[in-house]
mmCIF file of all heavy atoms, coordinates in Angstrom:
data_MODEL
# 
_entry.id   MODEL 
# 
loop_
_atom_site.group_PDB 
_atom_site.id 
_atom_site.type_symbol 
_atom_site.label_atom_id 
_atom_site.label_alt_id 
_atom_site.label_comp_id 
_atom_site.label_asym_id 
_atom_site.label_entity_id 
_atom_site.label_seq_id 
_atom_site.pdbx_PDB_ins_code 
_atom_site.Cartn_x 
_atom_site.Cartn_y 
_atom_site.Cartn_z 
_atom_site.occupancy 
_atom_site.B_iso_or_equiv 
_atom_site.pdbx_formal_charge 
_atom_site.auth_seq_id 
_atom_site.auth_comp_id 
_atom_site.auth_asym_id 
_atom_site.auth_atom_id 
_atom_site.pdbx_PDB_model_num 
ATOM 1   N N   . ALA A 1 1  ? 4.748   11.797 5.567  1.00 0.00 ? 1  ALA A N   1 
ATOM 2   C CA  . ALA A 1 1  ? 5.975   11.074 5.914  1.00 0.00 ? 1  ALA A CA  1 
ATOM 3   C C   . ALA A 1 1  ? 5.922   9.606  5.523  1.00 0.00 ? 1  ALA A C   1 
ATOM 4   O O   . ALA A 1 1  ? 6.887   8.868  5.749  1.00 0.00 ? 1  ALA A O   1 
ATOM 5   C CB  . ALA A 1 1  ? 6.239   11.203 7.414  1.00 0.00 ? 1  ALA A CB  1 
ATOM 6   N N   . GLU A 1 2  ? 4.779   9.172  4.973  1.00 0.00 ? 2  GLU A N   1 
ATOM 7   C CA  . GLU A 1 2  ? 4.600   7.784  4.520  1.00 0.00 ? 2  GLU A CA  1 
ATOM 8   C C   . GLU A 1 2  ? 4.778   6.801  5.666  1.00 0.00 ? 2  GLU A C   1 
ATOM 9   O O   . GLU A 1 2  ? 5.420   5.755  5.534  1.00 0.00 ? 2  GLU A O   1 
ATOM 10  C CB  . GLU A 1 2  ? 5.576   7.468  3.374  1.00 0.00 ? 2  GLU A CB  1 
ATOM 11  C CG  . GLU A 1 2  ? 5.397   8.363  2.163  1.00 0.00 ? 2  GLU A CG  1 
ATOM 12  C CD  . GLU A 1 2  ? 6.458   8.140  1.102  1.00 0.00 ? 2  GLU A CD  1 
ATOM 13  O OE1 . GLU A 1 2  ? 7.237   7.170  1.228  1.00 0.00 ? 2  GLU A OE1 1 
ATOM 14  O OE2 . GLU A 1 2  ? 6.523   8.938  0.140  1.00 0.00 ? 2  GLU A OE2 1 
ATOM 15  N N   . THR A 1 3  ? 4.194   7.163  6.800  1.00 0.00 ? 3  THR A N   1 
ATOM 16  C CA  . THR A 1 3  ? 4.250   6.277  7.957  1.00 0.00 ? 3  THR A CA  1 
ATOM 17  C C   . THR A 1 3  ? 2.834   6.019  8.458  1.00 0.00 ? 3  THR A C   1 
ATOM 18  O O   . THR A 1 3  ? 1.886   6.730  8.094  1.00 0.00 ? 3  THR A O   1 
ATOM 19  C CB  . THR A 1 3  ? 5.122   6.881  9.075  1.00 0.00 ? 3  THR A CB  1 
ATOM 20  O OG1 . THR A 1 3  ? 5.376   5.888  10.071 1.00 0.00 ? 3  THR A OG1 1 
ATOM 21  C CG2 . THR A 1 3  ? 4.469   8.093  9.721  1.00 0.00 ? 3  THR A CG2 1 
ATOM 22  N N   . LYS A 1 4  ? 2.686   5.033  9.312  1.00 0.00 ? 4  LYS A N   1 
ATOM 23  C CA  . LYS A 1 4  ? 1.363   4.601  9.765  1.00 0.00 ? 4  LYS A CA  1 
ATOM 24  C C   . LYS A 1 4  ? 0.693   5.669  10.635 1.00 0.00 ? 4  LYS A C   1 
ATOM 25  O O   . LYS A 1 4  ? 1.329   6.281  11.488 1.00 0.00 ? 4  LYS A O   1 
ATOM 26  C CB  . LYS A 1 4  ? 1.486   3.293  10.563 1.00 0.00 ? 4  LYS A CB  1 
ATOM 27  C CG  . LYS A 1 4  ? 0.161   2.683  10.973 1.00 0.00 ? 4  LYS A CG  1 
ATOM 28  C CD  . LYS A 1 4  ? 0.372   1.379  11.733 1.00 0.00 ? 4  LYS A CD  1 
ATOM 29  C CE  . LYS A 1 4  ? -0.950  0.695  12.050 1.00 0.00 ? 4  LYS A CE  1 
ATOM 30  N NZ  . LYS A 1 4  ? -1.843  1.524  12.885 1.00 0.00 ? 4  LYS A NZ  1 
ATOM 31  N N   . ILE A 1 5  ? -0.590  5.856  10.405 1.00 0.00 ? 5  ILE A N   1 
ATOM 32  C CA  . ILE A 1 5  ? -1.394  6.754  11.240 1.00 0.00 ? 5  ILE A CA  1 
ATOM 33  C C   . ILE A 1 5  ? -2.056  5.903  12.323 1.00 0.00 ? 5  ILE A C   1 
ATOM 34  O O   . ILE A 1 5  ? -2.803  4.977  12.005 1.00 0.00 ? 5  ILE A O   1 
ATOM 35  C CB  . ILE A 1 5  ? -2.465  7.474  10.402 1.00 0.00 ? 5  ILE A CB  1 
ATOM 36  C CG1 . ILE A 1 5  ? -1.804  8.324  9.312  1.00 0.00 ? 5  ILE A CG1 1 
ATOM 37  C CG2 . ILE A 1 5  ? -3.353  8.332  11.297 1.00 0.00 ? 5  ILE A CG2 1 
ATOM 38  C CD1 . ILE A 1 5  ? -2.770  8.893  8.296  1.00 0.00 ? 5  ILE A CD1 1 
ATOM 39  N N   . PRO A 1 6  ? -1.786  6.176  13.600 1.00 0.00 ? 6  PRO A N   1 
ATOM 40  C CA  . PRO A 1 6  ? -2.363  5.352  14.676 1.00 0.00 ? 6  PRO A CA  1 
ATOM 41  C C   . PRO A 1 6  ? -3.889  5.340  14.645 1.00 0.00 ? 6  PRO A C   1 
ATOM 42  O O   . PRO A 1 6  ? -4.526  6.348  14.316 1.00 0.00 ? 6  PRO A O   1 
ATOM 43  C CB  . PRO A 1 6  ? -1.847  6.031  15.952 1.00 0.00 ? 6  PRO A CB  1 
ATOM 44  C CG  . PRO A 1 6  ? -0.611  6.757  15.528 1.00 0.00 ? 6  PRO A CG  1 
ATOM 45  C CD  . PRO A 1 6  ? -0.884  7.212  14.122 1.00 0.00 ? 6  PRO A CD  1 
ATOM 46  N N   . ASP A 1 7  ? -4.456  4.212  15.008 1.00 0.00 ? 7  ASP A N   1 
ATOM 47  C CA  . ASP A 1 7  ? -5.908  4.056  14.978 1.00 0.00 ? 7  ASP A CA  1 
ATOM 48  C C   . ASP A 1 7  ? -6.622  4.961  15.978 1.00 0.00 ? 7  ASP A C   1 
ATOM 49  O O   . ASP A 1 7  ? -7.800  5.280  15.788 1.00 0.00 ? 7  ASP A O   1 
ATOM 50  C CB  . ASP A 1 7  ? -6.284  2.594  15.266 1.00 0.00 ? 7  ASP A CB  1 
ATOM 51  C CG  . ASP A 1 7  ? -5.827  1.660  14.160 1.00 0.00 ? 7  ASP A CG  1 
ATOM 52  O OD1 . ASP A 1 7  ? -5.646  2.144  13.016 1.00 0.00 ? 7  ASP A OD1 1 
ATOM 53  O OD2 . ASP A 1 7  ? -5.645  0.457  14.435 1.00 0.00 ? 7  ASP A OD2 1 
ATOM 54  N N   . ASP A 1 8  ? -5.913  5.361  17.060 1.00 0.00 ? 8  ASP A N   1 
ATOM 55  C CA  . ASP A 1 8  ? -6.594  6.165  18.080 1.00 0.00 ? 8  ASP A CA  1 
ATOM 56  C C   . ASP A 1 8  ? -6.632  7.657  17.743 1.00 0.00 ? 8  ASP A C   1 
ATOM 57  O O   . ASP A 1 8  ? -7.241  8.441  18.472 1.00 0.00 ? 8  ASP A O   1 
ATOM 58  C CB  . ASP A 1 8  ? -5.968  5.954  19.462 1.00 0.00 ? 8  ASP A CB  1 
ATOM 59  C CG  . ASP A 1 8  ? -4.506  6.354  19.535 1.00 0.00 ? 8  ASP A CG  1 
ATOM 60  O OD1 . ASP A 1 8  ? -3.909  6.628  18.475 1.00 0.00 ? 8  ASP A OD1 1 
ATOM 61  O OD2 . ASP A 1 8  ? -3.951  6.382  20.649 1.00 0.00 ? 8  ASP A OD2 1 
ATOM 62  N N   . MET A 1 9  ? -5.987  8.080  16.658 1.00 0.00 ? 9  MET A N   1 
ATOM 63  C CA  . MET A 1 9  ? -6.145  9.464  16.214 1.00 0.00 ? 9  MET A CA  1 
ATOM 64  C C   . MET A 1 9  ? -7.538  9.630  15.633 1.00 0.00 ? 9  MET A C   1 
ATOM 65  O O   . MET A 1 9  ? -8.073  8.723  15.006 1.00 0.00 ? 9  MET A O   1 
ATOM 66  C CB  . MET A 1 9  ? -5.071  9.834  15.194 1.00 0.00 ? 9  MET A CB  1 
ATOM 67  C CG  . MET A 1 9  ? -3.706  10.054 15.822 1.00 0.00 ? 9  MET A CG  1 
ATOM 68  S SD  . MET A 1 9  ? -2.520  10.753 14.632 1.00 0.00 ? 9  MET A SD  1 
ATOM 69  C CE  . MET A 1 9  ? -1.132  11.099 15.723 1.00 0.00 ? 9  MET A CE  1 
ATOM 70  N N   . GLN A 1 10 ? -8.123  10.811 15.830 1.00 0.00 ? 10 GLN A N   1 
ATOM 71  C CA  . GLN A 1 10 ? -9.544  10.985 15.525 1.00 0.00 ? 10 GLN A CA  1 
ATOM 72  C C   . GLN A 1 10 ? -9.828  11.776 14.247 1.00 0.00 ? 10 GLN A C   1 
ATOM 73  O O   . GLN A 1 10 ? -10.980 11.896 13.845 1.00 0.00 ? 10 GLN A O   1 
ATOM 74  C CB  . GLN A 1 10 ? -10.234 11.670 16.719 1.00 0.00 ? 10 GLN A CB  1 
ATOM 75  C CG  . GLN A 1 10 ? -10.214 10.816 17.978 1.00 0.00 ? 10 GLN A CG  1 
ATOM 76  C CD  . GLN A 1 10 ? -10.887 11.502 19.155 1.00 0.00 ? 10 GLN A CD  1 
ATOM 77  O OE1 . GLN A 1 10 ? -10.464 12.563 19.581 1.00 0.00 ? 10 GLN A OE1 1 
ATOM 78  N NE2 . GLN A 1 10 ? -11.939 10.898 19.672 1.00 0.00 ? 10 GLN A NE2 1 
ATOM 79  N N   . GLY A 1 11 ? -8.785  12.307 13.615 1.00 0.00 ? 11 GLY A N   1 
ATOM 80  C CA  . GLY A 1 11 ? -8.978  13.029 12.369 1.00 0.00 ? 11 GLY A CA  1 
ATOM 81  C C   . GLY A 1 11 ? -8.626  12.168 11.169 1.00 0.00 ? 11 GLY A C   1 
ATOM 82  O O   . GLY A 1 11 ? -8.466  10.953 11.284 1.00 0.00 ? 11 GLY A O   1 
ATOM 83  N N   . ARG A 1 12 ? -8.490  12.811 10.008 1.00 0.00 ? 12 ARG A N   1 
ATOM 84  C CA  . ARG A 1 12 ? -8.136  12.108 8.783  1.00 0.00 ? 12 ARG A CA  1 
ATOM 85  C C   . ARG A 1 12 ? -7.087  12.903 8.022  1.00 0.00 ? 12 ARG A C   1 
ATOM 86  O O   . ARG A 1 12 ? -7.037  14.131 8.106  1.00 0.00 ? 12 ARG A O   1 
ATOM 87  C CB  . ARG A 1 12 ? -9.373  11.923 7.889  1.00 0.00 ? 12 ARG A CB  1 
ATOM 88  C CG  . ARG A 1 12 ? -10.433 11.036 8.485  1.00 0.00 ? 12 ARG A CG  1 
ATOM 89  C CD  . ARG A 1 12 ? -11.617 10.876 7.548  1.00 0.00 ? 12 ARG A CD  1 
ATOM 90  N NE  . ARG A 1 12 ? -11.270 10.121 6.345  1.00 0.00 ? 12 ARG A NE  1 
ATOM 91  C CZ  . ARG A 1 12 ? -12.170 9.757  5.421  1.00 0.00 ? 12 ARG A CZ  1 
ATOM 92  N NH1 . ARG A 1 12 ? -13.441 10.088 5.568  1.00 0.00 ? 12 ARG A NH1 1 
ATOM 93  N NH2 . ARG A 1 12 ? -11.786 9.078  4.348  1.00 0.00 ? 12 ARG A NH2 1 
ATOM 94  N N   . SER A 1 13 ? -6.267  12.207 7.272  1.00 0.00 ? 13 SER A N   1 
ATOM 95  C CA  . SER A 1 13 ? -5.232  12.875 6.484  1.00 0.00 ? 13 SER A CA  1 
ATOM 96  C C   . SER A 1 13 ? -5.856  13.747 5.401  1.00 0.00 ? 13 SER A C   1 
ATOM 97  O O   . SER A 1 13 ? -6.813  13.357 4.722  1.00 0.00 ? 13 SER A O   1 
ATOM 98  C CB  . SER A 1 13 ? -4.320  11.843 5.832  1.00 0.00 ? 13 SER A CB  1 
ATOM 99  O OG  . SER A 1 13 ? -3.478  12.455 4.866  1.00 0.00 ? 13 SER A OG  1 
ATOM 100 N N   . LEU A 1 14 ? -5.264  14.927 5.227  1.00 0.00 ? 14 LEU A N   1 
ATOM 101 C CA  . LEU A 1 14 ? -5.700  15.844 4.176  1.00 0.00 ? 14 LEU A CA  1 
ATOM 102 C C   . LEU A 1 14 ? -4.988  15.590 2.838  1.00 0.00 ? 14 LEU A C   1 
ATOM 103 O O   . LEU A 1 14 ? -5.278  16.278 1.856  1.00 0.00 ? 14 LEU A O   1 
ATOM 104 C CB  . LEU A 1 14 ? -5.429  17.292 4.603  1.00 0.00 ? 14 LEU A CB  1 
ATOM 105 C CG  . LEU A 1 14 ? -6.219  17.821 5.806  1.00 0.00 ? 14 LEU A CG  1 
ATOM 106 C CD1 . LEU A 1 14 ? -5.726  19.197 6.187  1.00 0.00 ? 14 LEU A CD1 1 
ATOM 107 C CD2 . LEU A 1 14 ? -7.709  17.845 5.505  1.00 0.00 ? 14 LEU A CD2 1 
ATOM 108 N N   . VAL A 1 15 ? -4.082  14.623 2.805  1.00 0.00 ? 15 VAL A N   1 
ATOM 109 C CA  . VAL A 1 15 ? -3.307  14.392 1.579  1.00 0.00 ? 15 VAL A CA  1 
ATOM 110 C C   . VAL A 1 15 ? -4.204  14.152 0.366  1.00 0.00 ? 15 VAL A C   1 
ATOM 111 O O   . VAL A 1 15 ? -4.025  14.800 -0.677 1.00 0.00 ? 15 VAL A O   1 
ATOM 112 C CB  . VAL A 1 15 ? -2.282  13.256 1.774  1.00 0.00 ? 15 VAL A CB  1 
ATOM 113 C CG1 . VAL A 1 15 ? -1.696  12.824 0.421  1.00 0.00 ? 15 VAL A CG1 1 
ATOM 114 C CG2 . VAL A 1 15 ? -1.164  13.707 2.706  1.00 0.00 ? 15 VAL A CG2 1 
ATOM 115 N N   . PRO A 1 16 ? -5.200  13.252 0.420  1.00 0.00 ? 16 PRO A N   1 
ATOM 116 C CA  . PRO A 1 16 ? -6.044  13.078 -0.768 1.00 0.00 ? 16 PRO A CA  1 
ATOM 117 C C   . PRO A 1 16 ? -6.812  14.351 -1.140 1.00 0.00 ? 16 PRO A C   1 
ATOM 118 O O   . PRO A 1 16 ? -7.036  14.620 -2.324 1.00 0.00 ? 16 PRO A O   1 
ATOM 119 C CB  . PRO A 1 16 ? -6.998  11.945 -0.388 1.00 0.00 ? 16 PRO A CB  1 
ATOM 120 C CG  . PRO A 1 16 ? -6.925  11.839 1.099  1.00 0.00 ? 16 PRO A CG  1 
ATOM 121 C CD  . PRO A 1 16 ? -5.558  12.280 1.480  1.00 0.00 ? 16 PRO A CD  1 
ATOM 122 N N   . VAL A 1 17 ? -7.189  15.127 -0.146 1.00 0.00 ? 17 VAL A N   1 
ATOM 123 C CA  . VAL A 1 17 ? -7.882  16.394 -0.410 1.00 0.00 ? 17 VAL A CA  1 
ATOM 124 C C   . VAL A 1 17 ? -6.940  17.357 -1.124 1.00 0.00 ? 17 VAL A C   1 
ATOM 125 O O   . VAL A 1 17 ? -7.318  18.020 -2.103 1.00 0.00 ? 17 VAL A O   1 
ATOM 126 C CB  . VAL A 1 17 ? -8.396  17.015 0.906  1.00 0.00 ? 17 VAL A CB  1 
ATOM 127 C CG1 . VAL A 1 17 ? -9.111  18.335 0.634  1.00 0.00 ? 17 VAL A CG1 1 
ATOM 128 C CG2 . VAL A 1 17 ? -9.326  16.051 1.642  1.00 0.00 ? 17 VAL A CG2 1 
ATOM 129 N N   . LEU A 1 18 ? -5.700  17.426 -0.647 1.00 0.00 ? 18 LEU A N   1 
ATOM 130 C CA  . LEU A 1 18 ? -4.700  18.287 -1.273 1.00 0.00 ? 18 LEU A CA  1 
ATOM 131 C C   . LEU A 1 18 ? -4.421  17.880 -2.710 1.00 0.00 ? 18 LEU A C   1 
ATOM 132 O O   . LEU A 1 18 ? -4.145  18.723 -3.571 1.00 0.00 ? 18 LEU A O   1 
ATOM 133 C CB  . LEU A 1 18 ? -3.408  18.261 -0.460 1.00 0.00 ? 18 LEU A CB  1 
ATOM 134 C CG  . LEU A 1 18 ? -3.461  18.957 0.905  1.00 0.00 ? 18 LEU A CG  1 
ATOM 135 C CD1 . LEU A 1 18 ? -2.266  18.549 1.759  1.00 0.00 ? 18 LEU A CD1 1 
ATOM 136 C CD2 . LEU A 1 18 ? -3.497  20.465 0.737  1.00 0.00 ? 18 LEU A CD2 1 
ATOM 137 N N   . GLU A 1 19 ? -4.510  16.593 -2.979 1.00 0.00 ? 19 GLU A N   1 
ATOM 138 C CA  . GLU A 1 19 ? -4.256  16.083 -4.329 1.00 0.00 ? 19 GLU A CA  1 
ATOM 139 C C   . GLU A 1 19 ? -5.476  16.220 -5.240 1.00 0.00 ? 19 GLU A C   1 
ATOM 140 O O   . GLU A 1 19 ? -5.422  15.844 -6.412 1.00 0.00 ? 19 GLU A O   1 
ATOM 141 C CB  . GLU A 1 19 ? -3.820  14.625 -4.251 1.00 0.00 ? 19 GLU A CB  1 
ATOM 142 C CG  . GLU A 1 19 ? -2.460  14.437 -3.584 1.00 0.00 ? 19 GLU A CG  1 
ATOM 143 C CD  . GLU A 1 19 ? -2.064  12.983 -3.408 1.00 0.00 ? 19 GLU A CD  1 
ATOM 144 O OE1 . GLU A 1 19 ? -2.975  12.122 -3.339 1.00 0.00 ? 19 GLU A OE1 1 
ATOM 145 O OE2 . GLU A 1 19 ? -0.860  12.697 -3.341 1.00 0.00 ? 19 GLU A OE2 1 
ATOM 146 N N   . GLY A 1 20 ? -6.559  16.769 -4.678 1.00 0.00 ? 20 GLY A N   1 
ATOM 147 C CA  . GLY A 1 20 ? -7.767  16.969 -5.478 1.00 0.00 ? 20 GLY A CA  1 
ATOM 148 C C   . GLY A 1 20 ? -8.665  15.763 -5.545 1.00 0.00 ? 20 GLY A C   1 
ATOM 149 O O   . GLY A 1 20 ? -9.556  15.691 -6.409 1.00 0.00 ? 20 GLY A O   1 
ATOM 150 N N   . ASN A 1 21 ? -8.459  14.813 -4.611 1.00 0.00 ? 21 ASN A N   1 
ATOM 151 C CA  . ASN A 1 21 ? -9.244  13.574 -4.621 1.00 0.00 ? 21 ASN A CA  1 
ATOM 152 C C   . ASN A 1 21 ? -9.938  13.376 -3.275 1.00 0.00 ? 21 ASN A C   1 
ATOM 153 O O   . ASN A 1 21 ? -9.690  12.391 -2.579 1.00 0.00 ? 21 ASN A O   1 
ATOM 154 C CB  . ASN A 1 21 ? -8.341  12.373 -4.927 1.00 0.00 ? 21 ASN A CB  1 
ATOM 155 C CG  . ASN A 1 21 ? -7.654  12.491 -6.263 1.00 0.00 ? 21 ASN A CG  1 
ATOM 156 O OD1 . ASN A 1 21 ? -8.300  12.770 -7.277 1.00 0.00 ? 21 ASN A OD1 1 
ATOM 157 N ND2 . ASN A 1 21 ? -6.347  12.289 -6.291 1.00 0.00 ? 21 ASN A ND2 1 
ATOM 158 N N   . THR A 1 22 ? -10.799 14.297 -2.900 1.00 0.00 ? 22 THR A N   1 
ATOM 159 C CA  . THR A 1 22 ? -11.507 14.185 -1.629 1.00 0.00 ? 22 THR A CA  1 
ATOM 160 C C   . THR A 1 22 ? -12.303 12.877 -1.591 1.00 0.00 ? 22 THR A C   1 
ATOM 161 O O   . THR A 1 22 ? -13.110 12.610 -2.495 1.00 0.00 ? 22 THR A O   1 
ATOM 162 C CB  . THR A 1 22 ? -12.467 15.366 -1.428 1.00 0.00 ? 22 THR A CB  1 
ATOM 163 O OG1 . THR A 1 22 ? -11.717 16.586 -1.480 1.00 0.00 ? 22 THR A OG1 1 
ATOM 164 C CG2 . THR A 1 22 ? -13.176 15.266 -0.084 1.00 0.00 ? 22 THR A CG2 1 
ATOM 165 N N   . PRO A 1 23 ? -12.084 12.042 -0.566 1.00 0.00 ? 23 PRO A N   1 
ATOM 166 C CA  . PRO A 1 23 ? -12.824 10.772 -0.482 1.00 0.00 ? 23 PRO A CA  1 
ATOM 167 C C   . PRO A 1 23 ? -14.332 11.003 -0.427 1.00 0.00 ? 23 PRO A C   1 
ATOM 168 O O   . PRO A 1 23 ? -14.810 12.007 0.121  1.00 0.00 ? 23 PRO A O   1 
ATOM 169 C CB  . PRO A 1 23 ? -12.319 10.168 0.838  1.00 0.00 ? 23 PRO A CB  1 
ATOM 170 C CG  . PRO A 1 23 ? -10.972 10.787 1.058  1.00 0.00 ? 23 PRO A CG  1 
ATOM 171 C CD  . PRO A 1 23 ? -11.086 12.178 0.513  1.00 0.00 ? 23 PRO A CD  1 
ATOM 172 N N   . GLU A 1 24 ? -15.075 10.066 -0.989 1.00 0.00 ? 24 GLU A N   1 
ATOM 173 C CA  . GLU A 1 24 ? -16.534 10.193 -1.020 1.00 0.00 ? 24 GLU A CA  1 
ATOM 174 C C   . GLU A 1 24 ? -17.130 10.205 0.376  1.00 0.00 ? 24 GLU A C   1 
ATOM 175 O O   . GLU A 1 24 ? -18.197 10.796 0.593  1.00 0.00 ? 24 GLU A O   1 
ATOM 176 C CB  . GLU A 1 24 ? -17.140 9.044  -1.842 1.00 0.00 ? 24 GLU A CB  1 
ATOM 177 C CG  . GLU A 1 24 ? -16.850 9.152  -3.335 1.00 0.00 ? 24 GLU A CG  1 
ATOM 178 C CD  . GLU A 1 24 ? -17.550 8.069  -4.134 1.00 0.00 ? 24 GLU A CD  1 
ATOM 179 O OE1 . GLU A 1 24 ? -18.355 7.314  -3.522 1.00 0.00 ? 24 GLU A OE1 1 
ATOM 180 O OE2 . GLU A 1 24 ? -17.311 7.978  -5.344 1.00 0.00 ? 24 GLU A OE2 1 
ATOM 181 N N   . ASP A 1 25 ? -16.459 9.554  1.329  1.00 0.00 ? 25 ASP A N   1 
ATOM 182 C CA  . ASP A 1 25 ? -16.988 9.488  2.696  1.00 0.00 ? 25 ASP A CA  1 
ATOM 183 C C   . ASP A 1 25 ? -16.377 10.559 3.602  1.00 0.00 ? 25 ASP A C   1 
ATOM 184 O O   . ASP A 1 25 ? -16.357 10.412 4.821  1.00 0.00 ? 25 ASP A O   1 
ATOM 185 C CB  . ASP A 1 25 ? -16.750 8.097  3.294  1.00 0.00 ? 25 ASP A CB  1 
ATOM 186 C CG  . ASP A 1 25 ? -15.270 7.747  3.420  1.00 0.00 ? 25 ASP A CG  1 
ATOM 187 O OD1 . ASP A 1 25 ? -14.433 8.466  2.813  1.00 0.00 ? 25 ASP A OD1 1 
ATOM 188 O OD2 . ASP A 1 25 ? -14.942 6.772  4.123  1.00 0.00 ? 25 ASP A OD2 1 
# 
């Protein structure tokens, strides 16, 4: 949705993974 992810959420967005660019960390 191109909106801010709150800092207190404990997971991570899968968008880069879906795009084939899994972050190194």
